[in-house]
């Protein structure tokens, strides 16, 4: 149930980021998730700047260190890492991301051990079946 204090994370692709649809998100409660296929075009960068000015958070979804994804790091508030895909690189990712003012979110956390390991690496937000399964 929505309590008014939670943040809604909403996936945005290239097409959606090149519109003004973001204006529908409530300031302070919406977080735009930049999906991994989005390119850092001038229009997208302008939209991200407008989002920040409105108090809307920005997350890099399914983050991997690739040139296009790195372009977004100075603009995002959250970096979401799929720990199952990046399991062998997780410690390296966490260390490299310490150089940016972002909050790390571990995706697909399924066990207590994974949650504890991610917490030790600096992840502060967690998502996955370990916490709850969809109803």
C-alpha atoms as a PDB file:
ATOM      1  CA  UNK A   1       0.000   0.000   0.000  1.00  0.00           C
ATOM      2  CA  UNK A   2       1.296   3.486  -0.902  1.00  0.00           C
ATOM      3  CA  UNK A   3       1.989   5.447   2.284  1.00  0.00           C
ATOM      4  CA  UNK A   4       2.942   8.740   0.649  1.00  0.00           C
ATOM      5  CA  UNK A   5       6.567   8.507   1.834  1.00  0.00           C
ATOM      6  CA  UNK A   6       7.819   5.837  -0.542  1.00  0.00           C
ATOM      7  CA  UNK A   7       9.633   6.540  -3.773  1.00  0.00           C
ATOM      8  CA  UNK A   8       8.256   5.100  -7.004  1.00  0.00           C
ATOM      9  CA  UNK A   9      11.020   3.774  -9.279  1.00  0.00           C
ATOM     10  CA  UNK A  10       9.768   3.880 -12.893  1.00  0.00           C
ATOM     11  CA  UNK A  11      11.670   2.533 -15.921  1.00  0.00           C
ATOM     12  CA  UNK A  12      12.209   5.070 -18.711  1.00  0.00           C
ATOM     13  CA  UNK A  13      13.513   4.084 -22.127  1.00  0.00           C
ATOM     14  CA  UNK A  14      15.005   6.362 -24.794  1.00  0.00           C
ATOM     15  CA  UNK A  15      11.648   7.322 -26.270  1.00  0.00           C
ATOM     16  CA  UNK A  16      10.104   8.210 -22.908  1.00  0.00           C
ATOM     17  CA  UNK A  17      13.139  10.282 -21.870  1.00  0.00           C
ATOM     18  CA  UNK A  18      12.802  12.300 -25.059  1.00  0.00           C
ATOM     19  CA  UNK A  19       9.281  13.415 -24.065  1.00  0.00           C
ATOM     20  CA  UNK A  20       7.926  15.497 -21.198  1.00  0.00           C
ATOM     21  CA  UNK A  21       6.233  12.483 -19.581  1.00  0.00           C
ATOM     22  CA  UNK A  22       8.483  12.848 -16.538  1.00  0.00           C
ATOM     23  CA  UNK A  23       6.394  15.895 -15.532  1.00  0.00           C
ATOM     24  CA  UNK A  24       3.738  13.477 -14.241  1.00  0.00           C
ATOM     25  CA  UNK A  25       6.052  12.165 -11.504  1.00  0.00           C
ATOM     26  CA  UNK A  26       5.586  13.781  -8.094  1.00  0.00           C
ATOM     27  CA  UNK A  27       8.648  15.766  -6.962  1.00  0.00           C
ATOM     28  CA  UNK A  28      10.420  14.058  -4.075  1.00  0.00           C
ATOM     29  CA  UNK A  29       8.693  10.738  -4.680  1.00  0.00           C
ATOM     30  CA  UNK A  30       9.513   9.731  -8.228  1.00  0.00           C
ATOM     31  CA  UNK A  31      12.724   8.088  -9.370  1.00  0.00           C
ATOM     32  CA  UNK A  32      13.346   7.711 -13.086  1.00  0.00           C
ATOM     33  CA  UNK A  33      15.246   4.520 -13.890  1.00  0.00           C
ATOM     34  CA  UNK A  34      17.377   4.921 -16.990  1.00  0.00           C
ATOM     35  CA  UNK A  35      17.296   1.520 -18.662  1.00  0.00           C
ATOM     36  CA  UNK A  36      20.547   0.174 -20.038  1.00  0.00           C
ATOM     37  CA  UNK A  37      19.655   0.828 -23.706  1.00  0.00           C
ATOM     38  CA  UNK A  38      19.330   4.623 -23.266  1.00  0.00           C
ATOM     39  CA  UNK A  39      21.934   6.729 -25.074  1.00  0.00           C
ATOM     40  CA  UNK A  40      23.233   9.988 -23.581  1.00  0.00           C
ATOM     41  CA  UNK A  41      21.839  12.280 -26.284  1.00  0.00           C
ATOM     42  CA  UNK A  42      21.600  16.052 -25.737  1.00  0.00           C
ATOM     43  CA  UNK A  43      17.802  15.714 -25.334  1.00  0.00           C
ATOM     44  CA  UNK A  44      18.153  12.958 -22.710  1.00  0.00           C
ATOM     45  CA  UNK A  45      20.787  14.938 -20.776  1.00  0.00           C
ATOM     46  CA  UNK A  46      18.519  18.004 -20.836  1.00  0.00           C
ATOM     47  CA  UNK A  47      15.617  15.906 -19.535  1.00  0.00           C
ATOM     48  CA  UNK A  48      17.769  14.515 -16.719  1.00  0.00           C
ATOM     49  CA  UNK A  49      18.775  18.045 -15.735  1.00  0.00           C
ATOM     50  CA  UNK A  50      15.093  19.070 -15.649  1.00  0.00           C
ATOM     51  CA  UNK A  51      14.269  16.021 -13.530  1.00  0.00           C
ATOM     52  CA  UNK A  52      16.902  16.910 -10.954  1.00  0.00           C
ATOM     53  CA  UNK A  53      15.662  20.501 -10.785  1.00  0.00           C
ATOM     54  CA  UNK A  54      12.151  19.195 -10.050  1.00  0.00           C
ATOM     55  CA  UNK A  55      13.398  17.009  -7.197  1.00  0.00           C
ATOM     56  CA  UNK A  56      12.918  13.759  -9.058  1.00  0.00           C
ATOM     57  CA  UNK A  57      15.565  11.104  -8.451  1.00  0.00           C
ATOM     58  CA  UNK A  58      17.483   9.387 -11.214  1.00  0.00           C
ATOM     59  CA  UNK A  59      18.691   5.784 -11.187  1.00  0.00           C
ATOM     60  CA  UNK A  60      20.939   3.897 -13.594  1.00  0.00           C
ATOM     61  CA  UNK A  61      19.186   0.539 -13.953  1.00  0.00           C
ATOM     62  CA  UNK A  62      21.077  -2.740 -14.536  1.00  0.00           C
ATOM     63  CA  UNK A  63      24.331  -0.807 -14.438  1.00  0.00           C
ATOM     64  CA  UNK A  64      27.481  -2.158 -16.048  1.00  0.00           C
ATOM     65  CA  UNK A  65      30.684  -0.251 -16.730  1.00  0.00           C
ATOM     66  CA  UNK A  66      30.326   0.597 -20.408  1.00  0.00           C
ATOM     67  CA  UNK A  67      31.122   3.978 -21.989  1.00  0.00           C
ATOM     68  CA  UNK A  68      27.487   5.018 -22.464  1.00  0.00           C
ATOM     69  CA  UNK A  69      26.491   4.000 -18.935  1.00  0.00           C
ATOM     70  CA  UNK A  70      29.430   5.821 -17.373  1.00  0.00           C
ATOM     71  CA  UNK A  71      28.256   9.038 -19.085  1.00  0.00           C
ATOM     72  CA  UNK A  72      25.236   9.028 -16.762  1.00  0.00           C
ATOM     73  CA  UNK A  73      27.118   8.573 -13.474  1.00  0.00           C
ATOM     74  CA  UNK A  74      27.566  12.295 -12.702  1.00  0.00           C
ATOM     75  CA  UNK A  75      23.788  12.745 -13.114  1.00  0.00           C
ATOM     76  CA  UNK A  76      22.317   9.837 -11.182  1.00  0.00           C
ATOM     77  CA  UNK A  77      21.360   9.472  -7.527  1.00  0.00           C
ATOM     78  CA  UNK A  78      21.143   5.662  -7.513  1.00  0.00           C
ATOM     79  CA  UNK A  79      23.018   2.894  -9.284  1.00  0.00           C
ATOM     80  CA  UNK A  80      21.167  -0.415  -9.495  1.00  0.00           C
ATOM     81  CA  UNK A  81      23.390  -3.462  -9.965  1.00  0.00           C
ATOM     82  CA  UNK A  82      22.002  -6.906 -10.784  1.00  0.00           C
ATOM     83  CA  UNK A  83      24.141  -8.904  -8.387  1.00  0.00           C
ATOM     84  CA  UNK A  84      23.485 -12.189 -10.206  1.00  0.00           C
ATOM     85  CA  UNK A  85      24.820 -10.852 -13.501  1.00  0.00           C
ATOM     86  CA  UNK A  86      27.758  -9.045 -11.952  1.00  0.00           C
ATOM     87  CA  UNK A  87      28.538 -11.508  -9.171  1.00  0.00           C
ATOM     88  CA  UNK A  88      32.176 -11.969 -10.166  1.00  0.00           C
ATOM     89  CA  UNK A  89      32.627  -8.199 -10.604  1.00  0.00           C
ATOM     90  CA  UNK A  90      30.539  -6.954  -7.688  1.00  0.00           C
ATOM     91  CA  UNK A  91      33.410  -5.904  -5.403  1.00  0.00           C
ATOM     92  CA  UNK A  92      35.146  -4.134  -8.298  1.00  0.00           C
ATOM     93  CA  UNK A  93      31.932  -2.306  -9.243  1.00  0.00           C
ATOM     94  CA  UNK A  94      31.316  -1.190  -5.667  1.00  0.00           C
ATOM     95  CA  UNK A  95      34.883   0.092  -5.340  1.00  0.00           C
ATOM     96  CA  UNK A  96      34.773   1.999  -8.637  1.00  0.00           C
ATOM     97  CA  UNK A  97      31.388   3.530  -7.821  1.00  0.00           C
ATOM     98  CA  UNK A  98      32.682   4.998  -4.529  1.00  0.00           C
ATOM     99  CA  UNK A  99      34.093   7.840  -6.635  1.00  0.00           C
ATOM    100  CA  UNK A 100      30.567   9.032  -7.471  1.00  0.00           C
ATOM    101  CA  UNK A 101      27.933  10.567  -5.183  1.00  0.00           C
ATOM    102  CA  UNK A 102      25.462   7.711  -5.700  1.00  0.00           C
ATOM    103  CA  UNK A 103      23.558   5.295  -3.508  1.00  0.00           C
ATOM    104  CA  UNK A 104      24.115   1.660  -4.448  1.00  0.00           C
ATOM    105  CA  UNK A 105      21.090  -0.596  -4.857  1.00  0.00           C
ATOM    106  CA  UNK A 106      21.593  -4.363  -5.077  1.00  0.00           C
ATOM    107  CA  UNK A 107      19.040  -6.060  -7.334  1.00  0.00           C
ATOM    108  CA  UNK A 108      18.018  -9.729  -7.233  1.00  0.00           C
ATOM    109  CA  UNK A 109      19.112 -10.358  -3.653  1.00  0.00           C
ATOM    110  CA  UNK A 110      17.877 -13.865  -2.840  1.00  0.00           C
ATOM    111  CA  UNK A 111      19.740 -14.932   0.306  1.00  0.00           C
ATOM    112  CA  UNK A 112      20.861 -13.565   3.651  1.00  0.00           C
ATOM    113  CA  UNK A 113      24.469 -14.148   2.612  1.00  0.00           C
ATOM    114  CA  UNK A 114      24.038 -12.043  -0.542  1.00  0.00           C
ATOM    115  CA  UNK A 115      22.418  -9.224   1.436  1.00  0.00           C
ATOM    116  CA  UNK A 116      25.220  -9.238   4.017  1.00  0.00           C
ATOM    117  CA  UNK A 117      27.933  -9.358   1.354  1.00  0.00           C
ATOM    118  CA  UNK A 118      26.391  -6.452  -0.555  1.00  0.00           C
ATOM    119  CA  UNK A 119      26.063  -4.441   2.640  1.00  0.00           C
ATOM    120  CA  UNK A 120      29.760  -4.958   3.381  1.00  0.00           C
ATOM    121  CA  UNK A 121      30.557  -3.713  -0.133  1.00  0.00           C
ATOM    122  CA  UNK A 122      28.660  -0.466   0.434  1.00  0.00           C
ATOM    123  CA  UNK A 123      25.210  -1.190  -0.946  1.00  0.00           C
ATOM    124  CA  UNK A 124      22.564   0.672   1.049  1.00  0.00           C
ATOM    125  CA  UNK A 125      19.374  -0.350  -0.767  1.00  0.00           C
ATOM    126  CA  UNK A 126      18.258  -3.871  -1.600  1.00  0.00           C
ATOM    127  CA  UNK A 127      15.660  -5.482  -3.824  1.00  0.00           C
ATOM    128  CA  UNK A 128      14.830  -9.121  -4.329  1.00  0.00           C
ATOM    129  CA  UNK A 129      13.014 -12.256  -3.249  1.00  0.00           C
ATOM    130  CA  UNK A 130      14.998 -12.436  -0.005  1.00  0.00           C
ATOM    131  CA  UNK A 131      12.847  -9.568   1.294  1.00  0.00           C
ATOM    132  CA  UNK A 132       9.480 -10.398  -0.252  1.00  0.00           C
ATOM    133  CA  UNK A 133       7.928 -12.272  -3.123  1.00  0.00           C
ATOM    134  CA  UNK A 134       5.262 -10.630  -5.283  1.00  0.00           C
ATOM    135  CA  UNK A 135       1.678 -11.389  -4.281  1.00  0.00           C
END
